[in-house]
Amino acid sequence: MELKLQKPREKWFFLIALPVAVAIEWAFARSLDWTAYPRSEWVALFDLCVFMPAIYLAAFRSELTPKARMLRTLGVAGIGLFASRWIVPEPNQFIIGELSALRNVTMIGVLAFEGWIFWKVIGAVYRRGADAKTLEREFAIPELIARLMVLEAKFWKAVWAFLRRK
């Protein structure tokens, strides 16, 4: 799975469309009389956590693999939840408060997944005969970073060998 944005159109989504949607929701929240409409948080939640991920999913359905598309769509929804929590005033966060627990559980899952990926990458870097091309191909690591990782692994192996001799 490649972590960098694959198409210029995808960059425009994250650099223009998503920030514009958040700005519009922020303007909506600042202009709304929250005392008259106390449960209007659903507007921001729908727009940022349902509508924007659906737009992303529709726009990039043919350009990404299903796994990458779903992970990024969930990421867009997470960004929407984070922005909604920032946009909607604290006393009016009824649903957002409930979704925060879900977000915390999801973050634990994401951190466990990232830890597993980290362990796999470190294992690949420190195995005997590791080379930058293999890392680049298997983990979609940029070539320069892969070379630096292999060099660092060789350095630490040499340090460990030196310390064990003494």
N, C-alpha and C. Protein backbone atom coordinates (compact mmCIF):
# COMPACT_ATOMS: atom_id res chain seq x y z
N MET A 1 0.85 -1.18 0.00
CA MET A 1 0.00 0.00 0.00
C MET A 1 0.89 1.23 0.00
N GLU A 2 0.64 2.11 -0.92
CA GLU A 2 1.44 3.32 -1.04
C GLU A 2 0.82 4.41 -0.18
N LEU A 3 1.63 5.07 0.63
CA LEU A 3 1.11 6.04 1.57
C LEU A 3 1.01 7.44 0.99
N LYS A 4 1.75 7.73 -0.06
CA LYS A 4 1.69 9.07 -0.61
C LYS A 4 0.45 9.22 -1.49
N LEU A 5 0.03 10.46 -1.69
CA LEU A 5 -1.12 10.72 -2.53
C LEU A 5 -0.76 10.38 -3.97
N GLN A 6 -1.60 9.59 -4.62
CA GLN A 6 -1.23 9.03 -5.91
C GLN A 6 -1.53 9.95 -7.09
N LYS A 7 -2.54 10.74 -7.02
CA LYS A 7 -2.95 11.54 -8.17
C LYS A 7 -3.03 13.02 -7.75
N PRO A 8 -2.74 13.92 -8.69
CA PRO A 8 -2.88 15.35 -8.37
C PRO A 8 -4.31 15.70 -7.93
N ARG A 9 -5.30 15.01 -8.50
CA ARG A 9 -6.69 15.28 -8.13
C ARG A 9 -6.94 14.96 -6.66
N GLU A 10 -6.27 13.93 -6.16
CA GLU A 10 -6.41 13.59 -4.75
C GLU A 10 -5.80 14.67 -3.87
N LYS A 11 -4.70 15.25 -4.32
CA LYS A 11 -4.11 16.37 -3.58
C LYS A 11 -5.08 17.53 -3.49
N TRP A 12 -5.78 17.80 -4.59
CA TRP A 12 -6.75 18.89 -4.58
C TRP A 12 -7.87 18.62 -3.59
N PHE A 13 -8.25 17.37 -3.43
CA PHE A 13 -9.31 17.04 -2.47
C PHE A 13 -8.87 17.40 -1.06
N PHE A 14 -7.64 16.97 -0.69
CA PHE A 14 -7.17 17.20 0.67
C PHE A 14 -6.69 18.63 0.91
N LEU A 15 -6.23 19.31 -0.12
CA LEU A 15 -5.72 20.66 0.06
C LEU A 15 -6.78 21.75 -0.17
N ILE A 16 -7.83 21.43 -0.92
CA ILE A 16 -8.83 22.46 -1.21
C ILE A 16 -10.23 22.04 -0.78
N ALA A 17 -10.74 20.92 -1.27
CA ALA A 17 -12.14 20.56 -1.02
C ALA A 17 -12.42 20.34 0.47
N LEU A 18 -11.60 19.55 1.13
CA LEU A 18 -11.83 19.27 2.54
C LEU A 18 -11.68 20.52 3.41
N PRO A 19 -10.62 21.33 3.25
CA PRO A 19 -10.54 22.57 4.04
C PRO A 19 -11.67 23.55 3.75
N VAL A 20 -12.12 23.62 2.51
CA VAL A 20 -13.25 24.50 2.18
C VAL A 20 -14.51 24.01 2.87
N ALA A 21 -14.75 22.71 2.88
CA ALA A 21 -15.92 22.16 3.57
C ALA A 21 -15.86 22.45 5.06
N VAL A 22 -14.68 22.31 5.66
CA VAL A 22 -14.53 22.61 7.09
C VAL A 22 -14.77 24.10 7.34
N ALA A 23 -14.27 24.96 6.46
CA ALA A 23 -14.48 26.41 6.60
C ALA A 23 -15.96 26.77 6.49
N ILE A 24 -16.66 26.12 5.57
CA ILE A 24 -18.10 26.38 5.42
C ILE A 24 -18.84 25.94 6.68
N GLU A 25 -18.50 24.78 7.21
CA GLU A 25 -19.15 24.32 8.45
C GLU A 25 -18.81 25.23 9.62
N TRP A 26 -17.59 25.72 9.67
CA TRP A 26 -17.21 26.65 10.73
C TRP A 26 -18.04 27.94 10.63
N ALA A 27 -18.20 28.45 9.40
CA ALA A 27 -19.02 29.66 9.20
C ALA A 27 -20.47 29.40 9.58
N PHE A 28 -20.99 28.23 9.24
CA PHE A 28 -22.35 27.86 9.63
C PHE A 28 -22.49 27.84 11.15
N ALA A 29 -21.51 27.23 11.82
CA ALA A 29 -21.58 27.12 13.28
C ALA A 29 -21.48 28.48 13.96
N ARG A 30 -20.70 29.38 13.40
CA ARG A 30 -20.56 30.72 14.00
C ARG A 30 -21.79 31.59 13.76
N SER A 31 -22.52 31.32 12.69
CA SER A 31 -23.69 32.15 12.38
C SER A 31 -24.98 31.58 12.96
N LEU A 32 -24.96 30.36 13.45
CA LEU A 32 -26.17 29.71 13.97
C LEU A 32 -26.43 30.14 15.41
N ASP A 33 -27.69 30.36 15.71
CA ASP A 33 -28.09 30.63 17.09
C ASP A 33 -28.26 29.28 17.79
N TRP A 34 -27.26 28.87 18.52
CA TRP A 34 -27.25 27.55 19.13
C TRP A 34 -28.26 27.41 20.26
N THR A 35 -28.72 28.54 20.82
CA THR A 35 -29.75 28.45 21.86
C THR A 35 -31.11 28.11 21.25
N ALA A 36 -31.37 28.58 20.03
CA ALA A 36 -32.63 28.28 19.36
C ALA A 36 -32.61 26.88 18.74
N TYR A 37 -31.45 26.45 18.30
CA TYR A 37 -31.30 25.13 17.66
C TYR A 37 -30.17 24.36 18.35
N PRO A 38 -30.41 23.87 19.56
CA PRO A 38 -29.31 23.27 20.33
C PRO A 38 -28.79 21.95 19.77
N ARG A 39 -29.59 21.23 19.00
CA ARG A 39 -29.15 19.92 18.50
C ARG A 39 -28.80 19.96 17.01
N SER A 40 -28.23 21.03 16.58
CA SER A 40 -27.86 21.19 15.17
C SER A 40 -26.49 20.62 14.83
N GLU A 41 -25.89 19.92 15.75
CA GLU A 41 -24.58 19.34 15.47
C GLU A 41 -24.65 18.29 14.37
N TRP A 42 -25.84 17.73 14.15
CA TRP A 42 -25.97 16.71 13.11
C TRP A 42 -25.63 17.26 11.74
N VAL A 43 -25.82 18.57 11.52
CA VAL A 43 -25.50 19.16 10.22
C VAL A 43 -24.00 19.03 9.94
N ALA A 44 -23.19 19.44 10.89
CA ALA A 44 -21.74 19.35 10.72
C ALA A 44 -21.30 17.89 10.64
N LEU A 45 -21.88 17.04 11.47
CA LEU A 45 -21.51 15.63 11.44
C LEU A 45 -21.85 14.99 10.10
N PHE A 46 -23.04 15.27 9.59
CA PHE A 46 -23.43 14.69 8.30
C PHE A 46 -22.53 15.18 7.18
N ASP A 47 -22.33 16.49 7.13
CA ASP A 47 -21.53 17.05 6.05
C ASP A 47 -20.09 16.57 6.08
N LEU A 48 -19.48 16.55 7.25
CA LEU A 48 -18.06 16.23 7.34
C LEU A 48 -17.76 14.74 7.54
N CYS A 49 -18.68 13.99 8.14
CA CYS A 49 -18.41 12.58 8.43
C CYS A 49 -19.12 11.61 7.49
N VAL A 50 -20.12 12.10 6.73
CA VAL A 50 -20.83 11.23 5.80
C VAL A 50 -20.68 11.75 4.36
N PHE A 51 -21.03 13.01 4.15
CA PHE A 51 -21.04 13.55 2.80
C PHE A 51 -19.63 13.65 2.20
N MET A 52 -18.67 14.22 2.91
CA MET A 52 -17.31 14.36 2.37
C MET A 52 -16.65 12.99 2.14
N PRO A 53 -16.77 12.02 3.06
CA PRO A 53 -16.23 10.69 2.74
C PRO A 53 -16.92 10.04 1.53
N ALA A 54 -18.24 10.27 1.39
CA ALA A 54 -18.94 9.73 0.22
C ALA A 54 -18.44 10.37 -1.07
N ILE A 55 -18.18 11.67 -1.03
CA ILE A 55 -17.62 12.36 -2.20
C ILE A 55 -16.25 11.77 -2.53
N TYR A 56 -15.42 11.58 -1.51
CA TYR A 56 -14.09 11.01 -1.72
C TYR A 56 -14.20 9.61 -2.31
N LEU A 57 -15.07 8.80 -1.74
CA LEU A 57 -15.26 7.43 -2.22
C LEU A 57 -15.71 7.41 -3.67
N ALA A 58 -16.63 8.28 -4.02
CA ALA A 58 -17.12 8.34 -5.41
C ALA A 58 -16.06 8.86 -6.36
N ALA A 59 -15.31 9.84 -5.93
CA ALA A 59 -14.33 10.47 -6.81
C ALA A 59 -13.13 9.57 -7.10
N PHE A 60 -12.75 8.73 -6.16
CA PHE A 60 -11.53 7.94 -6.32
C PHE A 60 -11.78 6.44 -6.35
N ARG A 61 -13.00 6.02 -6.67
CA ARG A 61 -13.32 4.60 -6.64
C ARG A 61 -12.57 3.80 -7.70
N SER A 62 -12.23 4.42 -8.83
CA SER A 62 -11.54 3.67 -9.87
C SER A 62 -10.02 3.82 -9.80
N GLU A 63 -9.52 4.75 -9.01
CA GLU A 63 -8.10 5.04 -8.99
C GLU A 63 -7.33 4.33 -7.89
N LEU A 64 -8.03 3.86 -6.87
CA LEU A 64 -7.36 3.24 -5.73
C LEU A 64 -7.82 1.80 -5.55
N THR A 65 -6.99 1.01 -4.89
CA THR A 65 -7.41 -0.34 -4.55
C THR A 65 -8.51 -0.24 -3.50
N PRO A 66 -9.35 -1.25 -3.39
CA PRO A 66 -10.44 -1.17 -2.41
C PRO A 66 -9.96 -0.94 -0.97
N LYS A 67 -8.86 -1.60 -0.58
CA LYS A 67 -8.35 -1.44 0.78
C LYS A 67 -7.88 0.00 1.02
N ALA A 68 -7.10 0.54 0.08
CA ALA A 68 -6.61 1.92 0.22
C ALA A 68 -7.76 2.90 0.20
N ARG A 69 -8.74 2.65 -0.65
CA ARG A 69 -9.89 3.56 -0.75
C ARG A 69 -10.67 3.58 0.55
N MET A 70 -10.91 2.40 1.15
CA MET A 70 -11.68 2.35 2.40
C MET A 70 -10.92 2.97 3.56
N LEU A 71 -9.61 2.69 3.65
CA LEU A 71 -8.81 3.29 4.72
C LEU A 71 -8.80 4.81 4.62
N ARG A 72 -8.63 5.32 3.42
CA ARG A 72 -8.60 6.77 3.25
C ARG A 72 -9.98 7.38 3.47
N THR A 73 -11.03 6.68 3.09
CA THR A 73 -12.38 7.18 3.35
C THR A 73 -12.64 7.24 4.84
N LEU A 74 -12.21 6.22 5.58
CA LEU A 74 -12.34 6.27 7.04
C LEU A 74 -11.50 7.40 7.62
N GLY A 75 -10.35 7.66 7.02
CA GLY A 75 -9.52 8.79 7.46
C GLY A 75 -10.22 10.12 7.24
N VAL A 76 -10.89 10.27 6.10
CA VAL A 76 -11.64 11.50 5.83
C VAL A 76 -12.76 11.64 6.85
N ALA A 77 -13.44 10.55 7.17
CA ALA A 77 -14.50 10.60 8.19
C ALA A 77 -13.92 10.97 9.55
N GLY A 78 -12.74 10.45 9.87
CA GLY A 78 -12.08 10.81 11.14
C GLY A 78 -11.70 12.27 11.19
N ILE A 79 -11.22 12.79 10.08
CA ILE A 79 -10.92 14.23 10.00
C ILE A 79 -12.20 15.03 10.21
N GLY A 80 -13.30 14.55 9.62
CA GLY A 80 -14.59 15.23 9.78
C GLY A 80 -15.05 15.22 11.22
N LEU A 81 -14.87 14.10 11.92
CA LEU A 81 -15.26 14.02 13.33
C LEU A 81 -14.40 14.96 14.17
N PHE A 82 -13.10 14.98 13.90
CA PHE A 82 -12.21 15.88 14.63
C PHE A 82 -12.61 17.34 14.40
N ALA A 83 -12.87 17.69 13.14
CA ALA A 83 -13.25 19.07 12.82
C ALA A 83 -14.60 19.41 13.44
N SER A 84 -15.54 18.47 13.45
CA SER A 84 -16.86 18.71 14.05
C SER A 84 -16.73 18.99 15.54
N ARG A 85 -15.87 18.26 16.18
CA ARG A 85 -15.67 18.48 17.62
C ARG A 85 -15.10 19.87 17.89
N TRP A 86 -14.30 20.36 16.97
CA TRP A 86 -13.71 21.69 17.10
C TRP A 86 -14.72 22.78 16.72
N ILE A 87 -15.60 22.50 15.78
CA ILE A 87 -16.53 23.50 15.24
C ILE A 87 -17.76 23.68 16.13
N VAL A 88 -18.36 22.58 16.56
CA VAL A 88 -19.61 22.66 17.34
C VAL A 88 -19.27 23.06 18.77
N PRO A 89 -20.01 24.05 19.32
CA PRO A 89 -19.74 24.46 20.71
C PRO A 89 -19.91 23.29 21.69
N GLU A 90 -19.11 23.29 22.71
CA GLU A 90 -19.07 22.19 23.70
C GLU A 90 -20.44 21.87 24.30
N PRO A 91 -21.26 22.83 24.71
CA PRO A 91 -22.55 22.47 25.31
C PRO A 91 -23.51 21.81 24.33
N ASN A 92 -23.26 21.95 23.04
CA ASN A 92 -24.16 21.40 22.03
C ASN A 92 -23.63 20.10 21.41
N GLN A 93 -22.63 19.51 22.01
CA GLN A 93 -22.07 18.27 21.50
C GLN A 93 -22.71 17.08 22.20
N PHE A 94 -23.80 16.60 21.61
CA PHE A 94 -24.49 15.45 22.18
C PHE A 94 -24.02 14.17 21.49
N ILE A 95 -24.13 14.12 20.19
CA ILE A 95 -23.73 12.95 19.42
C ILE A 95 -22.21 12.86 19.36
N ILE A 96 -21.56 13.98 19.23
CA ILE A 96 -20.10 13.99 19.13
C ILE A 96 -19.47 13.39 20.38
N GLY A 97 -20.05 13.67 21.53
CA GLY A 97 -19.55 13.10 22.78
C GLY A 97 -19.64 11.58 22.78
N GLU A 98 -20.74 11.06 22.23
CA GLU A 98 -20.89 9.60 22.13
C GLU A 98 -19.90 9.01 21.12
N LEU A 99 -19.67 9.72 20.03
CA LEU A 99 -18.75 9.23 19.01
C LEU A 99 -17.29 9.30 19.46
N SER A 100 -17.02 10.12 20.46
CA SER A 100 -15.64 10.23 20.96
C SER A 100 -15.15 8.91 21.52
N ALA A 101 -16.02 8.17 22.19
CA ALA A 101 -15.63 6.86 22.72
C ALA A 101 -15.29 5.92 21.57
N LEU A 102 -16.08 5.97 20.51
CA LEU A 102 -15.79 5.16 19.32
C LEU A 102 -14.46 5.56 18.71
N ARG A 103 -14.21 6.86 18.68
CA ARG A 103 -12.95 7.35 18.13
C ARG A 103 -11.77 6.84 18.96
N ASN A 104 -11.91 6.83 20.28
CA ASN A 104 -10.83 6.35 21.14
C ASN A 104 -10.55 4.86 20.91
N VAL A 105 -11.60 4.06 20.77
CA VAL A 105 -11.42 2.64 20.50
C VAL A 105 -10.76 2.46 19.13
N THR A 106 -11.17 3.24 18.16
CA THR A 106 -10.59 3.18 16.82
C THR A 106 -9.12 3.56 16.87
N MET A 107 -8.78 4.56 17.65
CA MET A 107 -7.38 4.98 17.77
C MET A 107 -6.52 3.87 18.36
N ILE A 108 -7.06 3.13 19.32
CA ILE A 108 -6.32 1.99 19.88
C ILE A 108 -6.06 0.96 18.79
N GLY A 109 -7.06 0.69 17.97
CA GLY A 109 -6.89 -0.24 16.86
C GLY A 109 -5.87 0.25 15.85
N VAL A 110 -5.93 1.54 15.53
CA VAL A 110 -4.98 2.13 14.58
C VAL A 110 -3.56 2.06 15.13
N LEU A 111 -3.39 2.38 16.40
CA LEU A 111 -2.06 2.31 17.01
C LEU A 111 -1.52 0.87 17.04
N ALA A 112 -2.38 -0.09 17.31
CA ALA A 112 -1.95 -1.49 17.29
C ALA A 112 -1.54 -1.90 15.88
N PHE A 113 -2.31 -1.48 14.88
CA PHE A 113 -1.98 -1.77 13.49
C PHE A 113 -0.67 -1.12 13.09
N GLU A 114 -0.47 0.13 13.46
CA GLU A 114 0.78 0.82 13.15
C GLU A 114 1.96 0.18 13.86
N GLY A 115 1.76 -0.28 15.09
CA GLY A 115 2.82 -0.99 15.81
C GLY A 115 3.20 -2.27 15.09
N TRP A 116 2.19 -2.99 14.61
CA TRP A 116 2.46 -4.22 13.85
C TRP A 116 3.23 -3.91 12.57
N ILE A 117 2.84 -2.88 11.84
CA ILE A 117 3.54 -2.47 10.62
C ILE A 117 4.97 -2.05 10.96
N PHE A 118 5.13 -1.29 12.04
CA PHE A 118 6.46 -0.86 12.48
C PHE A 118 7.34 -2.08 12.75
N TRP A 119 6.81 -3.08 13.44
CA TRP A 119 7.56 -4.29 13.75
C TRP A 119 7.97 -5.00 12.46
N LYS A 120 7.07 -5.07 11.48
CA LYS A 120 7.38 -5.72 10.21
C LYS A 120 8.49 -4.97 9.47
N VAL A 121 8.41 -3.64 9.44
CA VAL A 121 9.42 -2.84 8.74
C VAL A 121 10.77 -2.98 9.42
N ILE A 122 10.80 -2.87 10.74
CA ILE A 122 12.05 -3.01 11.48
C ILE A 122 12.65 -4.40 11.25
N GLY A 123 11.82 -5.41 11.27
CA GLY A 123 12.30 -6.77 11.00
C GLY A 123 12.88 -6.89 9.61
N ALA A 124 12.25 -6.26 8.63
CA ALA A 124 12.75 -6.30 7.25
C ALA A 124 14.06 -5.53 7.12
N VAL A 125 14.19 -4.43 7.83
CA VAL A 125 15.40 -3.62 7.75
C VAL A 125 16.57 -4.34 8.40
N TYR A 126 16.34 -5.00 9.53
CA TYR A 126 17.44 -5.62 10.28
C TYR A 126 17.72 -7.07 9.89
N ARG A 127 16.94 -7.65 8.99
CA ARG A 127 17.25 -9.03 8.59
C ARG A 127 18.53 -9.05 7.75
N ARG A 128 19.15 -10.20 7.74
CA ARG A 128 20.40 -10.37 7.02
C ARG A 128 20.14 -10.19 5.52
N GLY A 129 20.97 -9.39 4.88
CA GLY A 129 20.87 -9.18 3.43
C GLY A 129 19.78 -8.20 3.02
N ALA A 130 19.31 -7.37 3.93
CA ALA A 130 18.28 -6.39 3.58
C ALA A 130 18.85 -5.37 2.60
N ASP A 131 18.07 -5.02 1.61
CA ASP A 131 18.52 -3.99 0.67
C ASP A 131 17.39 -3.00 0.43
N ALA A 132 17.76 -1.84 -0.04
CA ALA A 132 16.82 -0.74 -0.21
C ALA A 132 15.74 -1.05 -1.24
N LYS A 133 16.10 -1.74 -2.31
CA LYS A 133 15.12 -2.05 -3.37
C LYS A 133 13.99 -2.93 -2.84
N THR A 134 14.34 -3.90 -2.00
CA THR A 134 13.32 -4.79 -1.44
C THR A 134 12.39 -3.99 -0.53
N LEU A 135 12.96 -3.13 0.32
CA LEU A 135 12.12 -2.31 1.20
C LEU A 135 11.22 -1.39 0.39
N GLU A 136 11.78 -0.82 -0.65
CA GLU A 136 11.00 0.09 -1.49
C GLU A 136 9.82 -0.65 -2.11
N ARG A 137 10.05 -1.85 -2.59
CA ARG A 137 9.00 -2.61 -3.26
C ARG A 137 7.97 -3.15 -2.26
N GLU A 138 8.42 -3.72 -1.14
CA GLU A 138 7.51 -4.37 -0.20
C GLU A 138 6.70 -3.41 0.65
N PHE A 139 7.30 -2.27 1.02
CA PHE A 139 6.64 -1.36 1.95
C PHE A 139 6.33 0.01 1.35
N ALA A 140 6.59 0.20 0.06
CA ALA A 140 6.34 1.47 -0.62
C ALA A 140 7.07 2.62 0.07
N ILE A 141 8.29 2.34 0.52
CA ILE A 141 9.13 3.35 1.15
C ILE A 141 9.90 4.06 0.04
N PRO A 142 9.98 5.38 0.08
CA PRO A 142 10.78 6.08 -0.94
C PRO A 142 12.22 5.58 -0.94
N GLU A 143 12.83 5.57 -2.11
CA GLU A 143 14.15 4.98 -2.28
C GLU A 143 15.19 5.57 -1.34
N LEU A 144 15.24 6.90 -1.22
CA LEU A 144 16.21 7.55 -0.35
C LEU A 144 16.02 7.12 1.10
N ILE A 145 14.79 7.10 1.56
CA ILE A 145 14.50 6.70 2.94
C ILE A 145 14.89 5.24 3.16
N ALA A 146 14.60 4.37 2.18
CA ALA A 146 14.96 2.96 2.31
C ALA A 146 16.48 2.79 2.42
N ARG A 147 17.22 3.54 1.59
CA ARG A 147 18.69 3.45 1.68
C ARG A 147 19.18 3.92 3.03
N LEU A 148 18.62 5.02 3.53
CA LEU A 148 19.03 5.52 4.84
C LEU A 148 18.68 4.53 5.95
N MET A 149 17.54 3.86 5.84
CA MET A 149 17.17 2.87 6.85
C MET A 149 18.15 1.70 6.85
N VAL A 150 18.52 1.24 5.67
CA VAL A 150 19.48 0.13 5.58
C VAL A 150 20.83 0.56 6.14
N LEU A 151 21.27 1.78 5.82
CA LEU A 151 22.54 2.28 6.36
C LEU A 151 22.50 2.37 7.89
N GLU A 152 21.39 2.85 8.41
CA GLU A 152 21.27 2.95 9.87
C GLU A 152 21.29 1.57 10.51
N ALA A 153 20.61 0.61 9.90
CA ALA A 153 20.61 -0.75 10.43
C ALA A 153 22.02 -1.33 10.43
N LYS A 154 22.76 -1.08 9.36
CA LYS A 154 24.15 -1.56 9.31
C LYS A 154 24.98 -0.90 10.40
N PHE A 155 24.76 0.39 10.62
CA PHE A 155 25.49 1.11 11.66
C PHE A 155 25.23 0.48 13.03
N TRP A 156 23.95 0.25 13.37
CA TRP A 156 23.62 -0.29 14.68
C TRP A 156 24.08 -1.74 14.83
N LYS A 157 24.07 -2.49 13.74
CA LYS A 157 24.63 -3.85 13.79
C LYS A 157 26.12 -3.80 14.08
N ALA A 158 26.83 -2.86 13.47
CA ALA A 158 28.26 -2.71 13.72
C ALA A 158 28.53 -2.29 15.16
N VAL A 159 27.72 -1.36 15.67
CA VAL A 159 27.88 -0.93 17.06
C VAL A 159 27.64 -2.11 17.99
N TRP A 160 26.61 -2.90 17.73
CA TRP A 160 26.31 -4.05 18.58
C TRP A 160 27.45 -5.07 18.52
N ALA A 161 27.96 -5.31 17.32
CA ALA A 161 29.09 -6.25 17.18
C ALA A 161 30.31 -5.74 17.93
N PHE A 162 30.58 -4.44 17.86
CA PHE A 162 31.71 -3.84 18.57
C PHE A 162 31.54 -3.99 20.08
N LEU A 163 30.36 -3.71 20.59
CA LEU A 163 30.11 -3.81 22.02
C LEU A 163 30.18 -5.26 22.52
N ARG A 164 29.81 -6.20 21.72
CA ARG A 164 29.85 -7.61 22.13
C ARG A 164 31.28 -8.14 22.17
N ARG A 165 32.18 -7.56 21.39
CA ARG A 165 33.58 -8.00 21.39
C ARG A 165 34.30 -7.59 22.65
N LYS A 166 33.91 -6.51 23.26
CA LYS A 166 34.59 -6.02 24.47
C LYS A 166 34.12 -6.71 25.71
